[in-house]
Amino acid sequence: GKLYQHCARIDTQAQQMFNTLVSQMPKTENITEQLKSQNQLEWVRRMNSIHERASEIVCNELIYV
């Protein structure tokens, strides 16, 4: 009866970690709204990269342990 609670807790932690990473990484990599307005394709490419790396970090830290 505790598996569901454990999975729900891990899911919540994973979402929080992912959201934190996705909000922090653009700042550290200087991905700004100015870049978005000047070069949308480059901005999308870099944000997609951030999403992929954040997913990988979350999986390695919380899921695959």
PDB file of N, CA and C in Angstrom:
ATOM      1  N   GLY A   1       0.791  -1.206   0.000  1.00  0.00           N
ATOM      2  CA  GLY A   1       0.000   0.000   0.000  1.00  0.00           C
ATOM      3  C   GLY A   1       0.831   1.267   0.000  1.00  0.00           C
ATOM      4  N   LYS A   2       2.150   1.154   0.077  1.00  0.00           N
ATOM      5  CA  LYS A   2       2.976   2.358   0.143  1.00  0.00           C
ATOM      6  C   LYS A   2       3.615   2.716  -1.193  1.00  0.00           C
ATOM      7  N   LEU A   3       3.513   1.833  -2.168  1.00  0.00           N
ATOM      8  CA  LEU A   3       4.146   2.080  -3.460  1.00  0.00           C
ATOM      9  C   LEU A   3       3.563   3.314  -4.144  1.00  0.00           C
ATOM     10  N   TYR A   4       2.233   3.445  -4.149  1.00  0.00           N
ATOM     11  CA  TYR A   4       1.602   4.597  -4.788  1.00  0.00           C
ATOM     12  C   TYR A   4       2.067   5.898  -4.149  1.00  0.00           C
ATOM     13  N   GLN A   5       2.118   5.939  -2.829  1.00  0.00           N
ATOM     14  CA  GLN A   5       2.562   7.148  -2.131  1.00  0.00           C
ATOM     15  C   GLN A   5       4.009   7.472  -2.475  1.00  0.00           C
ATOM     16  N   HIS A   6       4.841   6.458  -2.540  1.00  0.00           N
ATOM     17  CA  HIS A   6       6.245   6.657  -2.886  1.00  0.00           C
ATOM     18  C   HIS A   6       6.374   7.208  -4.310  1.00  0.00           C
ATOM     19  N   CYS A   7       5.663   6.610  -5.240  1.00  0.00           N
ATOM     20  CA  CYS A   7       5.709   7.066  -6.637  1.00  0.00           C
ATOM     21  C   CYS A   7       5.194   8.496  -6.779  1.00  0.00           C
ATOM     22  N   ALA A   8       4.136   8.831  -6.073  1.00  0.00           N
ATOM     23  CA  ALA A   8       3.594  10.189  -6.114  1.00  0.00           C
ATOM     24  C   ALA A   8       4.591  11.184  -5.553  1.00  0.00           C
ATOM     25  N   ARG A   9       5.282  10.806  -4.488  1.00  0.00           N
ATOM     26  CA  ARG A   9       6.276  11.687  -3.881  1.00  0.00           C
ATOM     27  C   ARG A   9       7.455  11.901  -4.840  1.00  0.00           C
ATOM     28  N   ILE A  10       7.920  10.841  -5.483  1.00  0.00           N
ATOM     29  CA  ILE A  10       9.020  10.946  -6.450  1.00  0.00           C
ATOM     30  C   ILE A  10       8.585  11.798  -7.642  1.00  0.00           C
ATOM     31  N   ASP A  11       7.362  11.630  -8.097  1.00  0.00           N
ATOM     32  CA  ASP A  11       6.849  12.424  -9.215  1.00  0.00           C
ATOM     33  C   ASP A  11       6.841  13.912  -8.860  1.00  0.00           C
ATOM     34  N   THR A  12       6.388  14.237  -7.673  1.00  0.00           N
ATOM     35  CA  THR A  12       6.358  15.637  -7.230  1.00  0.00           C
ATOM     36  C   THR A  12       7.768  16.199  -7.145  1.00  0.00           C
ATOM     37  N   GLN A  13       8.680  15.443  -6.574  1.00  0.00           N
ATOM     38  CA  GLN A  13      10.070  15.889  -6.482  1.00  0.00           C
ATOM     39  C   GLN A  13      10.681  16.082  -7.866  1.00  0.00           C
ATOM     40  N   ALA A  14      10.389  15.174  -8.781  1.00  0.00           N
ATOM     41  CA  ALA A  14      10.932  15.262 -10.135  1.00  0.00           C
ATOM     42  C   ALA A  14      10.411  16.508 -10.844  1.00  0.00           C
ATOM     43  N   GLN A  15       9.120  16.784 -10.726  1.00  0.00           N
ATOM     44  CA  GLN A  15       8.554  17.977 -11.357  1.00  0.00           C
ATOM     45  C   GLN A  15       9.163  19.255 -10.782  1.00  0.00           C
ATOM     46  N   GLN A  16       9.316  19.303  -9.478  1.00  0.00           N
ATOM     47  CA  GLN A  16       9.899  20.485  -8.839  1.00  0.00           C
ATOM     48  C   GLN A  16      11.348  20.678  -9.275  1.00  0.00           C
ATOM     49  N   MET A  17      12.101  19.596  -9.306  1.00  0.00           N
ATOM     50  CA  MET A  17      13.498  19.678  -9.714  1.00  0.00           C
ATOM     51  C   MET A  17      13.606  20.123 -11.169  1.00  0.00           C
ATOM     52  N   PHE A  18      12.781  19.546 -12.042  1.00  0.00           N
ATOM     53  CA  PHE A  18      12.781  19.909 -13.454  1.00  0.00           C
ATOM     54  C   PHE A  18      12.454  21.392 -13.628  1.00  0.00           C
ATOM     55  N   ASN A  19      11.404  21.856 -12.960  1.00  0.00           N
ATOM     56  CA  ASN A  19      11.010  23.264 -13.081  1.00  0.00           C
ATOM     57  C   ASN A  19      12.108  24.197 -12.580  1.00  0.00           C
ATOM     58  N   THR A  20      12.756  23.829 -11.497  1.00  0.00           N
ATOM     59  CA  THR A  20      13.844  24.647 -10.964  1.00  0.00           C
ATOM     60  C   THR A  20      15.004  24.706 -11.949  1.00  0.00           C
ATOM     61  N   LEU A  21      15.387  23.562 -12.481  1.00  0.00           N
ATOM     62  CA  LEU A  21      16.485  23.535 -13.449  1.00  0.00           C
ATOM     63  C   LEU A  21      16.164  24.351 -14.695  1.00  0.00           C
ATOM     64  N   VAL A  22      14.950  24.199 -15.209  1.00  0.00           N
ATOM     65  CA  VAL A  22      14.568  24.903 -16.436  1.00  0.00           C
ATOM     66  C   VAL A  22      14.484  26.423 -16.209  1.00  0.00           C
ATOM     67  N   SER A  23      14.219  26.831 -15.001  1.00  0.00           N
ATOM     68  CA  SER A  23      14.189  28.274 -14.746  1.00  0.00           C
ATOM     69  C   SER A  23      15.579  28.832 -14.452  1.00  0.00           C
ATOM     70  N   GLN A  24      16.489  28.014 -13.915  1.00  0.00           N
ATOM     71  CA  GLN A  24      17.828  28.491 -13.570  1.00  0.00           C
ATOM     72  C   GLN A  24      18.828  28.404 -14.726  1.00  0.00           C
ATOM     73  N   MET A  25      18.746  27.367 -15.503  1.00  0.00           N
ATOM     74  CA  MET A  25      19.750  27.146 -16.548  1.00  0.00           C
ATOM     75  C   MET A  25      19.811  28.260 -17.596  1.00  0.00           C
ATOM     76  N   PRO A  26      18.686  28.818 -18.057  1.00  0.00           N
ATOM     77  CA  PRO A  26      18.801  29.913 -19.025  1.00  0.00           C
ATOM     78  C   PRO A  26      19.553  31.125 -18.456  1.00  0.00           C
ATOM     79  N   LYS A  27      19.388  31.384 -17.181  1.00  0.00           N
ATOM     80  CA  LYS A  27      20.086  32.508 -16.561  1.00  0.00           C
ATOM     81  C   LYS A  27      21.590  32.277 -16.568  1.00  0.00           C
ATOM     82  N   THR A  28      22.008  31.067 -16.228  1.00  0.00           N
ATOM     83  CA  THR A  28      23.442  30.783 -16.175  1.00  0.00           C
ATOM     84  C   THR A  28      24.062  30.701 -17.563  1.00  0.00           C
ATOM     85  N   GLU A  29      23.248  30.417 -18.576  1.00  0.00           N
ATOM     86  CA  GLU A  29      23.749  30.294 -19.944  1.00  0.00           C
ATOM     87  C   GLU A  29      23.445  31.527 -20.787  1.00  0.00           C
ATOM     88  N   ASN A  30      22.980  32.579 -20.134  1.00  0.00           N
ATOM     89  CA  ASN A  30      22.712  33.860 -20.789  1.00  0.00           C
ATOM     90  C   ASN A  30      21.737  33.730 -21.963  1.00  0.00           C
ATOM     91  N   ILE A  31      20.679  32.980 -21.749  1.00  0.00           N
ATOM     92  CA  ILE A  31      19.615  32.863 -22.745  1.00  0.00           C
ATOM     93  C   ILE A  31      18.522  33.834 -22.311  1.00  0.00           C
ATOM     94  N   THR A  32      18.405  34.917 -23.041  1.00  0.00           N
ATOM     95  CA  THR A  32      17.564  36.029 -22.619  1.00  0.00           C
ATOM     96  C   THR A  32      16.390  36.244 -23.571  1.00  0.00           C
ATOM     97  N   GLU A  33      15.500  37.124 -23.134  1.00  0.00           N
ATOM     98  CA  GLU A  33      14.390  37.534 -24.001  1.00  0.00           C
ATOM     99  C   GLU A  33      14.919  38.306 -25.208  1.00  0.00           C
ATOM    100  N   GLN A  34      16.049  38.952 -25.049  1.00  0.00           N
ATOM    101  CA  GLN A  34      16.662  39.663 -26.173  1.00  0.00           C
ATOM    102  C   GLN A  34      17.071  38.668 -27.259  1.00  0.00           C
ATOM    103  N   LEU A  35      17.673  37.558 -26.856  1.00  0.00           N
ATOM    104  CA  LEU A  35      18.014  36.505 -27.820  1.00  0.00           C
ATOM    105  C   LEU A  35      16.748  35.988 -28.489  1.00  0.00           C
ATOM    106  N   LYS A  36      15.700  35.809 -27.709  1.00  0.00           N
ATOM    107  CA  LYS A  36      14.424  35.314 -28.250  1.00  0.00           C
ATOM    108  C   LYS A  36      13.884  36.252 -29.324  1.00  0.00           C
ATOM    109  N   SER A  37      13.998  37.550 -29.089  1.00  0.00           N
ATOM    110  CA  SER A  37      13.470  38.507 -30.065  1.00  0.00           C
ATOM    111  C   SER A  37      14.389  38.662 -31.278  1.00  0.00           C
ATOM    112  N   GLN A  38      15.686  38.436 -31.089  1.00  0.00           N
ATOM    113  CA  GLN A  38      16.632  38.621 -32.195  1.00  0.00           C
ATOM    114  C   GLN A  38      16.817  37.371 -33.048  1.00  0.00           C
ATOM    115  N   ASN A  39      16.800  36.209 -32.401  1.00  0.00           N
ATOM    116  CA  ASN A  39      17.066  34.967 -33.115  1.00  0.00           C
ATOM    117  C   ASN A  39      16.235  33.851 -32.495  1.00  0.00           C
ATOM    118  N   GLN A  40      15.000  33.740 -32.936  1.00  0.00           N
ATOM    119  CA  GLN A  40      14.067  32.795 -32.331  1.00  0.00           C
ATOM    120  C   GLN A  40      14.506  31.341 -32.494  1.00  0.00           C
ATOM    121  N   LEU A  41      15.056  30.988 -33.641  1.00  0.00           N
ATOM    122  CA  LEU A  41      15.475  29.605 -33.848  1.00  0.00           C
ATOM    123  C   LEU A  41      16.602  29.213 -32.908  1.00  0.00           C
ATOM    124  N   GLU A  42      17.550  30.099 -32.691  1.00  0.00           N
ATOM    125  CA  GLU A  42      18.641  29.819 -31.753  1.00  0.00           C
ATOM    126  C   GLU A  42      18.108  29.701 -30.330  1.00  0.00           C
ATOM    127  N   TRP A  43      17.169  30.569 -29.976  1.00  0.00           N
ATOM    128  CA  TRP A  43      16.569  30.520 -28.643  1.00  0.00           C
ATOM    129  C   TRP A  43      15.844  29.183 -28.431  1.00  0.00           C
ATOM    130  N   VAL A  44      15.078  28.756 -29.400  1.00  0.00           N
ATOM    131  CA  VAL A  44      14.352  27.476 -29.308  1.00  0.00           C
ATOM    132  C   VAL A  44      15.334  26.318 -29.212  1.00  0.00           C
ATOM    133  N   ARG A  45      16.385  26.343 -30.016  1.00  0.00           N
ATOM    134  CA  ARG A  45      17.389  25.276 -29.983  1.00  0.00           C
ATOM    135  C   ARG A  45      18.015  25.179 -28.598  1.00  0.00           C
ATOM    136  N   ARG A  46      18.390  26.301 -28.033  1.00  0.00           N
ATOM    137  CA  ARG A  46      19.046  26.303 -26.730  1.00  0.00           C
ATOM    138  C   ARG A  46      18.078  25.910 -25.606  1.00  0.00           C
ATOM    139  N   MET A  47      16.828  26.347 -25.697  1.00  0.00           N
ATOM    140  CA  MET A  47      15.842  25.968 -24.680  1.00  0.00           C
ATOM    141  C   MET A  47      15.514  24.476 -24.770  1.00  0.00           C
ATOM    142  N   ASN A  48      15.444  23.935 -25.978  1.00  0.00           N
ATOM    143  CA  ASN A  48      15.231  22.488 -26.131  1.00  0.00           C
ATOM    144  C   ASN A  48      16.389  21.712 -25.513  1.00  0.00           C
ATOM    145  N   SER A  49      17.588  22.224 -25.688  1.00  0.00           N
ATOM    146  CA  SER A  49      18.756  21.594 -25.081  1.00  0.00           C
ATOM    147  C   SER A  49      18.641  21.606 -23.563  1.00  0.00           C
ATOM    148  N   ILE A  50      18.202  22.705 -23.012  1.00  0.00           N
ATOM    149  CA  ILE A  50      18.014  22.809 -21.562  1.00  0.00           C
ATOM    150  C   ILE A  50      16.975  21.805 -21.076  1.00  0.00           C
ATOM    151  N   HIS A  51      15.873  21.691 -21.790  1.00  0.00           N
ATOM    152  CA  HIS A  51      14.821  20.736 -21.405  1.00  0.00           C
ATOM    153  C   HIS A  51      15.359  19.307 -21.414  1.00  0.00           C
ATOM    154  N   GLU A  52      16.128  18.967 -22.433  1.00  0.00           N
ATOM    155  CA  GLU A  52      16.681  17.612 -22.520  1.00  0.00           C
ATOM    156  C   GLU A  52      17.673  17.347 -21.392  1.00  0.00           C
ATOM    157  N   ARG A  53      18.546  18.310 -21.120  1.00  0.00           N
ATOM    158  CA  ARG A  53      19.532  18.125 -20.054  1.00  0.00           C
ATOM    159  C   ARG A  53      18.865  18.079 -18.689  1.00  0.00           C
ATOM    160  N   ALA A  54      17.859  18.911 -18.479  1.00  0.00           N
ATOM    161  CA  ALA A  54      17.140  18.898 -17.203  1.00  0.00           C
ATOM    162  C   ALA A  54      16.445  17.556 -17.000  1.00  0.00           C
ATOM    163  N   SER A  55      15.841  17.022 -18.036  1.00  0.00           N
ATOM    164  CA  SER A  55      15.196  15.703 -17.942  1.00  0.00           C
ATOM    165  C   SER A  55      16.214  14.626 -17.596  1.00  0.00           C
ATOM    166  N   GLU A  56      17.365  14.692 -18.227  1.00  0.00           N
ATOM    167  CA  GLU A  56      18.408  13.705 -17.959  1.00  0.00           C
ATOM    168  C   GLU A  56      18.906  13.807 -16.513  1.00  0.00           C
ATOM    169  N   ILE A  57      19.095  15.019 -16.026  1.00  0.00           N
ATOM    170  CA  ILE A  57      19.541  15.222 -14.645  1.00  0.00           C
ATOM    171  C   ILE A  57      18.513  14.663 -13.670  1.00  0.00           C
ATOM    172  N   VAL A  58      17.244  14.981 -13.892  1.00  0.00           N
ATOM    173  CA  VAL A  58      16.186  14.504 -12.997  1.00  0.00           C
ATOM    174  C   VAL A  58      16.140  12.982 -12.990  1.00  0.00           C
ATOM    175  N   CYS A  59      16.200  12.395 -14.154  1.00  0.00           N
ATOM    176  CA  CYS A  59      16.156  10.927 -14.220  1.00  0.00           C
ATOM    177  C   CYS A  59      17.337  10.304 -13.499  1.00  0.00           C
ATOM    178  N   ASN A  60      18.527  10.844 -13.705  1.00  0.00           N
ATOM    179  CA  ASN A  60      19.718  10.286 -13.076  1.00  0.00           C
ATOM    180  C   ASN A  60      19.718  10.495 -11.563  1.00  0.00           C
ATOM    181  N   GLU A  61      19.167  11.590 -11.101  1.00  0.00           N
ATOM    182  CA  GLU A  61      19.176  11.896  -9.663  1.00  0.00           C
ATOM    183  C   GLU A  61      18.028  11.228  -8.894  1.00  0.00           C
ATOM    184  N   LEU A  62      16.867  11.107  -9.521  1.00  0.00           N
ATOM    185  CA  LEU A  62      15.692  10.631  -8.792  1.00  0.00           C
ATOM    186  C   LEU A  62      15.131   9.296  -9.265  1.00  0.00           C
ATOM    187  N   ILE A  63      15.234   9.005 -10.542  1.00  0.00           N
ATOM    188  CA  ILE A  63      14.545   7.851 -11.086  1.00  0.00           C
ATOM    189  C   ILE A  63      15.475   6.625 -11.141  1.00  0.00           C
ATOM    190  N   TYR A  64      16.665   6.802 -11.679  1.00  0.00           N
ATOM    191  CA  TYR A  64      17.558   5.669 -11.932  1.00  0.00           C
ATOM    192  C   TYR A  64      18.493   5.356 -10.769  1.00  0.00           C
ATOM    193  N   VAL A  65      18.178   5.789  -9.571  1.00  0.00           N
ATOM    194  CA  VAL A  65      19.055   5.518  -8.419  1.00  0.00           C
ATOM    195  C   VAL A  65      18.779   4.159  -7.833  1.00  0.00           C
TER     196      VAL A  65
END
